[in-house]
Amino acid sequence: MTVGPDNMVVPKQVEVGDVQGGLRVIRSGLSPNDRVIIDGIPHAMPGARVVPQKGTIRYAAAANAG
């Protein structure tokens, strides 16, 4: 799910890849400027108005080392 310029939830069709560092790789379907919902997905219904907040997703590369 993404957030459109009008702060409405917009579903996006994506192609998923492998899991790397605990994160799922998205092969296609998103653009660099898309605002992706990373928290509260169960409440994000298409067409619903949301209040976007900045978030951080951390790659767990250190967790996979040795």
PDB file of N, CA and C in Angstrom:
ATOM      1  N   MET A   1       0.846  -1.171   0.000  1.00  0.00           N
ATOM      2  CA  MET A   1       0.000   0.000   0.000  1.00  0.00           C
ATOM      3  C   MET A   1       0.891   1.233   0.000  1.00  0.00           C
ATOM      4  N   THR A   2       0.443   2.243  -0.725  1.00  0.00           N
ATOM      5  CA  THR A   2       1.165   3.507  -0.785  1.00  0.00           C
ATOM      6  C   THR A   2       0.224   4.643  -0.408  1.00  0.00           C
ATOM      7  N   VAL A   3       0.792   5.830  -0.253  1.00  0.00           N
ATOM      8  CA  VAL A   3       0.014   7.022   0.058  1.00  0.00           C
ATOM      9  C   VAL A   3       0.140   7.971  -1.124  1.00  0.00           C
ATOM     10  N   GLY A   4      -0.999   8.343  -1.714  1.00  0.00           N
ATOM     11  CA  GLY A   4      -1.015   9.251  -2.848  1.00  0.00           C
ATOM     12  C   GLY A   4      -0.793  10.693  -2.426  1.00  0.00           C
ATOM     13  N   PRO A   5      -0.666  11.609  -3.393  1.00  0.00           N
ATOM     14  CA  PRO A   5      -0.428  13.020  -3.086  1.00  0.00           C
ATOM     15  C   PRO A   5      -1.559  13.663  -2.285  1.00  0.00           C
ATOM     16  N   ASP A   6      -2.749  13.079  -2.340  1.00  0.00           N
ATOM     17  CA  ASP A   6      -3.896  13.596  -1.585  1.00  0.00           C
ATOM     18  C   ASP A   6      -4.047  12.907  -0.225  1.00  0.00           C
ATOM     19  N   ASN A   7      -2.992  12.182   0.191  1.00  0.00           N
ATOM     20  CA  ASN A   7      -2.958  11.434   1.460  1.00  0.00           C
ATOM     21  C   ASN A   7      -4.005  10.334   1.537  1.00  0.00           C
ATOM     22  N   MET A   8      -4.376   9.788   0.387  1.00  0.00           N
ATOM     23  CA  MET A   8      -5.296   8.651   0.328  1.00  0.00           C
ATOM     24  C   MET A   8      -4.481   7.379   0.084  1.00  0.00           C
ATOM     25  N   VAL A   9      -4.922   6.281   0.685  1.00  0.00           N
ATOM     26  CA  VAL A   9      -4.260   4.985   0.511  1.00  0.00           C
ATOM     27  C   VAL A   9      -4.522   4.480  -0.901  1.00  0.00           C
ATOM     28  N   VAL A  10      -3.420   4.099  -1.566  1.00  0.00           N
ATOM     29  CA  VAL A  10      -3.484   3.597  -2.940  1.00  0.00           C
ATOM     30  C   VAL A  10      -2.758   2.249  -2.996  1.00  0.00           C
ATOM     31  N   PRO A  11      -3.468   1.169  -3.335  1.00  0.00           N
ATOM     32  CA  PRO A  11      -2.775  -0.116  -3.474  1.00  0.00           C
ATOM     33  C   PRO A  11      -1.905  -0.116  -4.726  1.00  0.00           C
ATOM     34  N   LYS A  12      -0.793  -0.825  -4.668  1.00  0.00           N
ATOM     35  CA  LYS A  12       0.108  -0.959  -5.817  1.00  0.00           C
ATOM     36  C   LYS A  12       0.372  -2.434  -6.049  1.00  0.00           C
ATOM     37  N   GLN A  13       0.330  -2.839  -7.296  1.00  0.00           N
ATOM     38  CA  GLN A  13       0.681  -4.203  -7.691  1.00  0.00           C
ATOM     39  C   GLN A  13       2.197  -4.265  -7.799  1.00  0.00           C
ATOM     40  N   VAL A  14       2.848  -5.147  -7.045  1.00  0.00           N
ATOM     41  CA  VAL A  14       4.305  -5.242  -7.069  1.00  0.00           C
ATOM     42  C   VAL A  14       4.737  -6.667  -7.365  1.00  0.00           C
ATOM     43  N   GLU A  15       5.970  -6.784  -7.846  1.00  0.00           N
ATOM     44  CA  GLU A  15       6.592  -8.095  -8.030  1.00  0.00           C
ATOM     45  C   GLU A  15       7.624  -8.248  -6.918  1.00  0.00           C
ATOM     46  N   VAL A  16       7.459  -9.278  -6.096  1.00  0.00           N
ATOM     47  CA  VAL A  16       8.368  -9.469  -4.969  1.00  0.00           C
ATOM     48  C   VAL A  16       9.491 -10.423  -5.327  1.00  0.00           C
ATOM     49  N   GLY A  17      10.606 -10.235  -4.653  1.00  0.00           N
ATOM     50  CA  GLY A  17      11.769 -11.095  -4.832  1.00  0.00           C
ATOM     51  C   GLY A  17      12.127 -11.764  -3.524  1.00  0.00           C
ATOM     52  N   ASP A  18      13.403 -12.065  -3.371  1.00  0.00           N
ATOM     53  CA  ASP A  18      13.915 -12.755  -2.192  1.00  0.00           C
ATOM     54  C   ASP A  18      13.894 -11.852  -0.958  1.00  0.00           C
ATOM     55  N   VAL A  19      14.125 -12.476   0.193  1.00  0.00           N
ATOM     56  CA  VAL A  19      14.320 -11.740   1.441  1.00  0.00           C
ATOM     57  C   VAL A  19      15.824 -11.538   1.619  1.00  0.00           C
ATOM     58  N   GLN A  20      16.224 -10.294   1.861  1.00  0.00           N
ATOM     59  CA  GLN A  20      17.632  -9.975   2.103  1.00  0.00           C
ATOM     60  C   GLN A  20      17.714  -9.089   3.333  1.00  0.00           C
ATOM     61  N   GLY A  21      18.493  -9.494   4.307  1.00  0.00           N
ATOM     62  CA  GLY A  21      18.644  -8.714   5.522  1.00  0.00           C
ATOM     63  C   GLY A  21      17.346  -8.551   6.288  1.00  0.00           C
ATOM     64  N   GLY A  22      16.444  -9.512   6.137  1.00  0.00           N
ATOM     65  CA  GLY A  22      15.169  -9.445   6.834  1.00  0.00           C
ATOM     66  C   GLY A  22      14.118  -8.608   6.116  1.00  0.00           C
ATOM     67  N   LEU A  23      14.451  -8.102   4.941  1.00  0.00           N
ATOM     68  CA  LEU A  23      13.514  -7.285   4.166  1.00  0.00           C
ATOM     69  C   LEU A  23      13.207  -7.949   2.832  1.00  0.00           C
ATOM     70  N   ARG A  24      11.963  -7.833   2.384  1.00  0.00           N
ATOM     71  CA  ARG A  24      11.551  -8.396   1.104  1.00  0.00           C
ATOM     72  C   ARG A  24      11.945  -7.434  -0.015  1.00  0.00           C
ATOM     73  N   VAL A  25      12.631  -7.939  -1.025  1.00  0.00           N
ATOM     74  CA  VAL A  25      13.014  -7.146  -2.189  1.00  0.00           C
ATOM     75  C   VAL A  25      11.785  -6.958  -3.070  1.00  0.00           C
ATOM     76  N   ILE A  26      11.532  -5.723  -3.499  1.00  0.00           N
ATOM     77  CA  ILE A  26      10.463  -5.425  -4.456  1.00  0.00           C
ATOM     78  C   ILE A  26      11.125  -5.221  -5.810  1.00  0.00           C
ATOM     79  N   ARG A  27      10.847  -6.128  -6.737  1.00  0.00           N
ATOM     80  CA  ARG A  27      11.496  -6.096  -8.054  1.00  0.00           C
ATOM     81  C   ARG A  27      10.890  -5.056  -8.986  1.00  0.00           C
ATOM     82  N   SER A  28       9.589  -4.843  -8.895  1.00  0.00           N
ATOM     83  CA  SER A  28       8.954  -3.843  -9.761  1.00  0.00           C
ATOM     84  C   SER A  28       7.613  -3.431  -9.156  1.00  0.00           C
ATOM     85  N   GLY A  29       7.101  -2.308  -9.639  1.00  0.00           N
ATOM     86  CA  GLY A  29       5.787  -1.848  -9.213  1.00  0.00           C
ATOM     87  C   GLY A  29       5.811  -0.604  -8.354  1.00  0.00           C
ATOM     88  N   LEU A  30       6.998  -0.216  -7.870  1.00  0.00           N
ATOM     89  CA  LEU A  30       7.126   1.006  -7.077  1.00  0.00           C
ATOM     90  C   LEU A  30       8.098   1.953  -7.767  1.00  0.00           C
ATOM     91  N   SER A  31       7.879   3.240  -7.580  1.00  0.00           N
ATOM     92  CA  SER A  31       8.816   4.234  -8.087  1.00  0.00           C
ATOM     93  C   SER A  31       9.562   4.841  -6.905  1.00  0.00           C
ATOM     94  N   PRO A  32      10.707   5.464  -7.144  1.00  0.00           N
ATOM     95  CA  PRO A  32      11.492   6.029  -6.035  1.00  0.00           C
ATOM     96  C   PRO A  32      10.730   7.064  -5.205  1.00  0.00           C
ATOM     97  N   ASN A  33       9.731   7.713  -5.771  1.00  0.00           N
ATOM     98  CA  ASN A  33       8.989   8.743  -5.052  1.00  0.00           C
ATOM     99  C   ASN A  33       7.738   8.216  -4.355  1.00  0.00           C
ATOM    100  N   ASP A  34       7.432   6.930  -4.486  1.00  0.00           N
ATOM    101  CA  ASP A  34       6.260   6.364  -3.810  1.00  0.00           C
ATOM    102  C   ASP A  34       6.453   6.420  -2.302  1.00  0.00           C
ATOM    103  N   ARG A  35       5.391   6.765  -1.599  1.00  0.00           N
ATOM    104  CA  ARG A  35       5.387   6.741  -0.134  1.00  0.00           C
ATOM    105  C   ARG A  35       4.704   5.444   0.279  1.00  0.00           C
ATOM    106  N   VAL A  36       5.497   4.519   0.796  1.00  0.00           N
ATOM    107  CA  VAL A  36       5.027   3.173   1.126  1.00  0.00           C
ATOM    108  C   VAL A  36       4.614   3.123   2.597  1.00  0.00           C
ATOM    109  N   ILE A  37       3.475   2.510   2.856  1.00  0.00           N
ATOM    110  CA  ILE A  37       3.010   2.339   4.235  1.00  0.00           C
ATOM    111  C   ILE A  37       3.805   1.201   4.861  1.00  0.00           C
ATOM    112  N   ILE A  38       4.490   1.501   5.974  1.00  0.00           N
ATOM    113  CA  ILE A  38       5.339   0.502   6.632  1.00  0.00           C
ATOM    114  C   ILE A  38       4.803   0.095   8.003  1.00  0.00           C
ATOM    115  N   ASP A  39       3.778   0.778   8.483  1.00  0.00           N
ATOM    116  CA  ASP A  39       3.210   0.472   9.787  1.00  0.00           C
ATOM    117  C   ASP A  39       1.709   0.745   9.726  1.00  0.00           C
ATOM    118  N   GLY A  40       0.925  -0.105  10.351  1.00  0.00           N
ATOM    119  CA  GLY A  40      -0.524   0.095  10.366  1.00  0.00           C
ATOM    120  C   GLY A  40      -1.234  -0.457   9.151  1.00  0.00           C
ATOM    121  N   ILE A  41      -0.603  -1.388   8.458  1.00  0.00           N
ATOM    122  CA  ILE A  41      -1.199  -1.982   7.249  1.00  0.00           C
ATOM    123  C   ILE A  41      -2.620  -2.516   7.490  1.00  0.00           C
ATOM    124  N   PRO A  42      -2.907  -3.167   8.625  1.00  0.00           N
ATOM    125  CA  PRO A  42      -4.279  -3.676   8.818  1.00  0.00           C
ATOM    126  C   PRO A  42      -5.350  -2.587   8.799  1.00  0.00           C
ATOM    127  N   HIS A  43      -4.957  -1.349   9.067  1.00  0.00           N
ATOM    128  CA  HIS A  43      -5.914  -0.243   9.091  1.00  0.00           C
ATOM    129  C   HIS A  43      -5.930   0.549   7.784  1.00  0.00           C
ATOM    130  N   ALA A  44      -5.017   0.232   6.864  1.00  0.00           N
ATOM    131  CA  ALA A  44      -4.876   0.986   5.612  1.00  0.00           C
ATOM    132  C   ALA A  44      -5.781   0.390   4.541  1.00  0.00           C
ATOM    133  N   MET A  45      -6.955   0.951   4.394  1.00  0.00           N
ATOM    134  CA  MET A  45      -7.908   0.487   3.396  1.00  0.00           C
ATOM    135  C   MET A  45      -7.802   1.376   2.161  1.00  0.00           C
ATOM    136  N   PRO A  46      -7.818   0.811   0.951  1.00  0.00           N
ATOM    137  CA  PRO A  46      -7.762   1.632  -0.249  1.00  0.00           C
ATOM    138  C   PRO A  46      -8.817   2.742  -0.220  1.00  0.00           C
ATOM    139  N   GLY A  47      -8.356   3.963  -0.517  1.00  0.00           N
ATOM    140  CA  GLY A  47      -9.256   5.106  -0.537  1.00  0.00           C
ATOM    141  C   GLY A  47      -9.370   5.827   0.788  1.00  0.00           C
ATOM    142  N   ALA A  48      -8.843   5.232   1.870  1.00  0.00           N
ATOM    143  CA  ALA A  48      -8.904   5.874   3.187  1.00  0.00           C
ATOM    144  C   ALA A  48      -7.914   7.029   3.245  1.00  0.00           C
ATOM    145  N   ARG A  49      -8.275   8.082   3.946  1.00  0.00           N
ATOM    146  CA  ARG A  49      -7.367   9.207   4.153  1.00  0.00           C
ATOM    147  C   ARG A  49      -6.493   8.884   5.368  1.00  0.00           C
ATOM    148  N   VAL A  50      -5.187   9.155   5.234  1.00  0.00           N
ATOM    149  CA  VAL A  50      -4.233   8.886   6.305  1.00  0.00           C
ATOM    150  C   VAL A  50      -3.416  10.138   6.601  1.00  0.00           C
ATOM    151  N   VAL A  51      -2.744  10.115   7.725  1.00  0.00           N
ATOM    152  CA  VAL A  51      -1.825  11.196   8.105  1.00  0.00           C
ATOM    153  C   VAL A  51      -0.413  10.607   8.036  1.00  0.00           C
ATOM    154  N   PRO A  52       0.301  10.840   6.925  1.00  0.00           N
ATOM    155  CA  PRO A  52       1.626  10.237   6.764  1.00  0.00           C
ATOM    156  C   PRO A  52       2.616  10.734   7.813  1.00  0.00           C
ATOM    157  N   GLN A  53       3.479   9.829   8.226  1.00  0.00           N
ATOM    158  CA  GLN A  53       4.569  10.146   9.138  1.00  0.00           C
ATOM    159  C   GLN A  53       5.823   9.500   8.589  1.00  0.00           C
ATOM    160  N   LYS A  54       6.954  10.146   8.792  1.00  0.00           N
ATOM    161  CA  LYS A  54       8.206   9.567   8.328  1.00  0.00           C
ATOM    162  C   LYS A  54       8.542   8.342   9.159  1.00  0.00           C
ATOM    163  N   GLY A  55       9.122   7.361   8.512  1.00  0.00           N
ATOM    164  CA  GLY A  55       9.545   6.140   9.186  1.00  0.00           C
ATOM    165  C   GLY A  55      10.887   5.709   8.649  1.00  0.00           C
ATOM    166  N   THR A  56      11.486   4.742   9.297  1.00  0.00           N
ATOM    167  CA  THR A  56      12.782   4.232   8.880  1.00  0.00           C
ATOM    168  C   THR A  56      12.715   2.718   8.801  1.00  0.00           C
ATOM    169  N   ILE A  57      13.239   2.198   7.711  1.00  0.00           N
ATOM    170  CA  ILE A  57      13.368   0.750   7.553  1.00  0.00           C
ATOM    171  C   ILE A  57      14.858   0.461   7.557  1.00  0.00           C
ATOM    172  N   ARG A  58      15.294  -0.406   8.430  1.00  0.00           N
ATOM    173  CA  ARG A  58      16.731  -0.703   8.550  1.00  0.00           C
ATOM    174  C   ARG A  58      17.033  -2.074   7.964  1.00  0.00           C
ATOM    175  N   TYR A  59      18.039  -2.080   7.111  1.00  0.00           N
ATOM    176  CA  TYR A  59      18.550  -3.311   6.524  1.00  0.00           C
ATOM    177  C   TYR A  59      19.373  -4.036   7.576  1.00  0.00           C
ATOM    178  N   ALA A  60      19.104  -5.297   7.815  1.00  0.00           N
ATOM    179  CA  ALA A  60      19.760  -6.055   8.879  1.00  0.00           C
ATOM    180  C   ALA A  60      20.979  -6.812   8.366  1.00  0.00           C
ATOM    181  N   ALA A  61      21.862  -6.133   7.627  1.00  0.00           N
ATOM    182  CA  ALA A  61      23.043  -6.791   7.062  1.00  0.00           C
ATOM    183  C   ALA A  61      23.926  -7.383   8.156  1.00  0.00           C
ATOM    184  N   ALA A  62      24.078  -6.675   9.272  1.00  0.00           N
ATOM    185  CA  ALA A  62      24.926  -7.168  10.355  1.00  0.00           C
ATOM    186  C   ALA A  62      24.377  -8.453  10.954  1.00  0.00           C
ATOM    187  N   ALA A  63      23.079  -8.615  10.957  1.00  0.00           N
ATOM    188  CA  ALA A  63      22.445  -9.810  11.536  1.00  0.00           C
ATOM    189  C   ALA A  63      22.762 -11.050  10.707  1.00  0.00           C
ATOM    190  N   ASN A  64      23.025 -10.862   9.405  1.00  0.00           N
ATOM    191  CA  ASN A  64      23.295 -11.996   8.533  1.00  0.00           C
ATOM    192  C   ASN A  64      24.771 -12.353   8.458  1.00  0.00           C
ATOM    193  N   ALA A  65      25.628 -11.501   9.001  1.00  0.00           N
ATOM    194  CA  ALA A  65      27.068 -11.750   8.931  1.00  0.00           C
ATOM    195  C   ALA A  65      27.464 -12.792   9.987  1.00  0.00           C
ATOM    196  N   GLY A  66      28.116 -13.844   9.509  1.00  0.00           N
ATOM    197  CA  GLY A  66      28.718 -14.865  10.317  1.00  0.00           C
ATOM    198  C   GLY A  66      27.900 -15.442  11.373  1.00  0.00           C
TER     199      GLY A  66
END
